[in-house]
Structures are given as C-alpha cells and as structure tokens.
Amino acid sequence: MTRVDRLDDLLIKIEHLRNRMTEVALIEGFTSPESLRISQELDDLLNRYDCERKNNQLHKYADKTS
C-alpha cells in the first residue's frame, strides 16, 4: 500500500467515525460511554493521519534533495 493509499484509507475511516459519533451522540448523548469511546478512536485516527501526512511530506522533501 502506498503512502497516498494509506492517507486515503485513513480519511475514509475518519469520515465514517465522525458520522457514527454524531449519530451516537444525538441518540445516546454526547457524554455517553459509546460517544466517548468513538471520540477517542477518532482522536487516534486523526493523530495517525497527521503523522502519516507529515511523513509523506518528509519523504517528498527528501526525494527532491537527493
């Protein structure tokens, strides 16, 4: 899987979790255990996405300077 594919995959998962979190929060409440669990999972995915994106930028820079 390429770096771009990983970023695309993470974006799809992030969007899915955002939608799921909104649904759960509206039904069960914003501080329900399930809402909080999804929120933490979403935070993890967002952090992974940020790291992957930064890594991708570093590789592009390294390729240009080689």
N, C-alpha and C. Protein backbone atom coordinates (compact mmCIF):
# COMPACT_ATOMS: atom_id res chain seq x y z
N MET A 1 0.85 -1.18 0.00
CA MET A 1 0.00 0.00 0.00
C MET A 1 0.89 1.24 0.00
N THR A 2 0.60 2.16 -0.89
CA THR A 2 1.40 3.38 -0.98
C THR A 2 1.03 4.36 0.13
N ARG A 3 1.85 5.36 0.30
CA ARG A 3 1.58 6.39 1.32
C ARG A 3 0.25 7.09 1.05
N VAL A 4 0.00 7.38 -0.21
CA VAL A 4 -1.25 8.07 -0.57
C VAL A 4 -2.44 7.17 -0.28
N ASP A 5 -2.32 5.88 -0.56
CA ASP A 5 -3.40 4.94 -0.27
C ASP A 5 -3.68 4.89 1.23
N ARG A 6 -2.63 4.91 2.02
CA ARG A 6 -2.81 4.89 3.48
C ARG A 6 -3.54 6.14 3.95
N LEU A 7 -3.16 7.29 3.40
CA LEU A 7 -3.84 8.54 3.76
C LEU A 7 -5.30 8.50 3.35
N ASP A 8 -5.57 8.02 2.15
CA ASP A 8 -6.96 7.92 1.68
C ASP A 8 -7.76 6.97 2.57
N ASP A 9 -7.16 5.85 2.93
CA ASP A 9 -7.83 4.88 3.79
C ASP A 9 -8.14 5.49 5.16
N LEU A 10 -7.19 6.22 5.71
CA LEU A 10 -7.42 6.87 7.00
C LEU A 10 -8.52 7.92 6.90
N LEU A 11 -8.55 8.68 5.81
CA LEU A 11 -9.60 9.69 5.64
C LEU A 11 -10.99 9.06 5.57
N ILE A 12 -11.09 7.93 4.91
CA ILE A 12 -12.37 7.23 4.82
C ILE A 12 -12.81 6.77 6.21
N LYS A 13 -11.87 6.20 6.97
CA LYS A 13 -12.19 5.74 8.33
C LYS A 13 -12.56 6.92 9.23
N ILE A 14 -11.85 8.02 9.08
CA ILE A 14 -12.13 9.22 9.89
C ILE A 14 -13.54 9.73 9.60
N GLU A 15 -13.89 9.82 8.33
CA GLU A 15 -15.22 10.31 7.96
C GLU A 15 -16.31 9.38 8.49
N HIS A 16 -16.09 8.08 8.38
CA HIS A 16 -17.06 7.11 8.90
C HIS A 16 -17.25 7.29 10.41
N LEU A 17 -16.15 7.41 11.14
CA LEU A 17 -16.24 7.56 12.60
C LEU A 17 -16.89 8.88 12.98
N ARG A 18 -16.62 9.94 12.25
CA ARG A 18 -17.26 11.23 12.53
C ARG A 18 -18.78 11.11 12.42
N ASN A 19 -19.21 10.47 11.35
CA ASN A 19 -20.64 10.28 11.15
C ASN A 19 -21.23 9.40 12.25
N ARG A 20 -20.54 8.32 12.58
CA ARG A 20 -21.02 7.41 13.62
C ARG A 20 -21.08 8.12 14.97
N MET A 21 -20.06 8.90 15.29
CA MET A 21 -20.03 9.61 16.56
C MET A 21 -21.20 10.59 16.66
N THR A 22 -21.50 11.27 15.56
CA THR A 22 -22.62 12.21 15.55
C THR A 22 -23.94 11.47 15.80
N GLU A 23 -24.13 10.35 15.11
CA GLU A 23 -25.34 9.56 15.29
C GLU A 23 -25.50 9.10 16.74
N VAL A 24 -24.43 8.54 17.29
CA VAL A 24 -24.48 8.02 18.66
C VAL A 24 -24.71 9.16 19.65
N ALA A 25 -24.02 10.26 19.46
CA ALA A 25 -24.14 11.40 20.39
C ALA A 25 -25.56 11.96 20.39
N LEU A 26 -26.19 12.01 19.23
CA LEU A 26 -27.56 12.54 19.16
C LEU A 26 -28.58 11.60 19.81
N ILE A 27 -28.29 10.31 19.76
CA ILE A 27 -29.21 9.32 20.33
C ILE A 27 -28.93 9.07 21.81
N GLU A 28 -27.65 8.84 22.14
CA GLU A 28 -27.29 8.43 23.50
C GLU A 28 -26.77 9.58 24.36
N GLY A 29 -26.45 10.69 23.74
CA GLY A 29 -25.88 11.82 24.47
C GLY A 29 -24.39 11.96 24.20
N PHE A 30 -23.93 13.18 24.28
CA PHE A 30 -22.54 13.48 23.95
C PHE A 30 -21.54 12.91 24.95
N THR A 31 -21.98 12.64 26.16
CA THR A 31 -21.06 12.10 27.17
C THR A 31 -21.32 10.63 27.46
N SER A 32 -22.07 9.97 26.60
CA SER A 32 -22.31 8.54 26.79
C SER A 32 -21.00 7.77 26.61
N PRO A 33 -20.87 6.62 27.25
CA PRO A 33 -19.65 5.82 27.09
C PRO A 33 -19.32 5.51 25.63
N GLU A 34 -20.34 5.22 24.83
CA GLU A 34 -20.10 4.90 23.42
C GLU A 34 -19.62 6.12 22.65
N SER A 35 -20.20 7.29 22.92
CA SER A 35 -19.74 8.53 22.27
C SER A 35 -18.29 8.82 22.62
N LEU A 36 -17.95 8.64 23.88
CA LEU A 36 -16.58 8.89 24.32
C LEU A 36 -15.60 7.89 23.71
N ARG A 37 -16.02 6.62 23.61
CA ARG A 37 -15.15 5.60 23.02
C ARG A 37 -14.88 5.94 21.55
N ILE A 38 -15.93 6.30 20.83
CA ILE A 38 -15.77 6.65 19.41
C ILE A 38 -14.90 7.91 19.28
N SER A 39 -15.10 8.87 20.16
CA SER A 39 -14.31 10.09 20.13
C SER A 39 -12.82 9.79 20.32
N GLN A 40 -12.51 8.89 21.25
CA GLN A 40 -11.11 8.52 21.47
C GLN A 40 -10.54 7.79 20.27
N GLU A 41 -11.34 6.92 19.67
CA GLU A 41 -10.89 6.21 18.48
C GLU A 41 -10.65 7.20 17.33
N LEU A 42 -11.54 8.18 17.22
CA LEU A 42 -11.38 9.21 16.20
C LEU A 42 -10.11 10.03 16.44
N ASP A 43 -9.85 10.37 17.69
CA ASP A 43 -8.61 11.09 18.03
C ASP A 43 -7.39 10.30 17.59
N ASP A 44 -7.40 9.00 17.85
CA ASP A 44 -6.27 8.14 17.45
C ASP A 44 -6.08 8.16 15.93
N LEU A 45 -7.18 8.04 15.20
CA LEU A 45 -7.09 8.06 13.73
C LEU A 45 -6.59 9.41 13.22
N LEU A 46 -7.07 10.49 13.82
CA LEU A 46 -6.62 11.82 13.41
C LEU A 46 -5.13 12.00 13.69
N ASN A 47 -4.66 11.50 14.80
CA ASN A 47 -3.22 11.56 15.11
C ASN A 47 -2.42 10.73 14.12
N ARG A 48 -2.91 9.55 13.78
CA ARG A 48 -2.23 8.70 12.80
C ARG A 48 -2.19 9.40 11.44
N TYR A 49 -3.31 10.00 11.06
CA TYR A 49 -3.36 10.71 9.78
C TYR A 49 -2.34 11.85 9.75
N ASP A 50 -2.27 12.61 10.82
CA ASP A 50 -1.33 13.72 10.90
C ASP A 50 0.11 13.22 10.78
N CYS A 51 0.43 12.14 11.47
CA CYS A 51 1.79 11.56 11.39
C CYS A 51 2.10 11.08 9.98
N GLU A 52 1.14 10.38 9.38
CA GLU A 52 1.34 9.88 8.01
C GLU A 52 1.54 11.03 7.02
N ARG A 53 0.75 12.08 7.18
CA ARG A 53 0.84 13.23 6.28
C ARG A 53 2.20 13.91 6.43
N LYS A 54 2.64 14.08 7.67
CA LYS A 54 3.96 14.69 7.90
C LYS A 54 5.07 13.80 7.34
N ASN A 55 4.94 12.50 7.53
CA ASN A 55 5.91 11.55 6.98
C ASN A 55 5.96 11.64 5.47
N ASN A 56 4.80 11.75 4.86
CA ASN A 56 4.69 11.87 3.42
C ASN A 56 5.42 13.12 2.92
N GLN A 57 5.23 14.22 3.63
CA GLN A 57 5.88 15.47 3.26
C GLN A 57 7.39 15.36 3.41
N LEU A 58 7.85 14.68 4.46
CA LEU A 58 9.29 14.49 4.65
C LEU A 58 9.89 13.66 3.52
N HIS A 59 9.19 12.62 3.10
CA HIS A 59 9.68 11.79 2.01
C HIS A 59 9.74 12.58 0.71
N LYS A 60 8.73 13.41 0.45
CA LYS A 60 8.76 14.23 -0.76
C LYS A 60 9.94 15.18 -0.74
N TYR A 61 10.20 15.80 0.43
CA TYR A 61 11.32 16.71 0.55
C TYR A 61 12.65 15.96 0.35
N ALA A 62 12.76 14.80 0.96
CA ALA A 62 13.99 14.01 0.85
C ALA A 62 14.23 13.59 -0.59
N ASP A 63 13.16 13.23 -1.30
CA ASP A 63 13.29 12.84 -2.71
C ASP A 63 13.76 14.01 -3.57
N LYS A 64 13.31 15.21 -3.27
CA LYS A 64 13.70 16.39 -4.05
C LYS A 64 15.16 16.77 -3.81
N THR A 65 15.67 16.52 -2.61
CA THR A 65 17.02 16.94 -2.28
C THR A 65 18.05 15.86 -2.57
N SER A 66 17.61 14.68 -2.98
CA SER A 66 18.55 13.58 -3.28
C SER A 66 19.11 13.70 -4.67
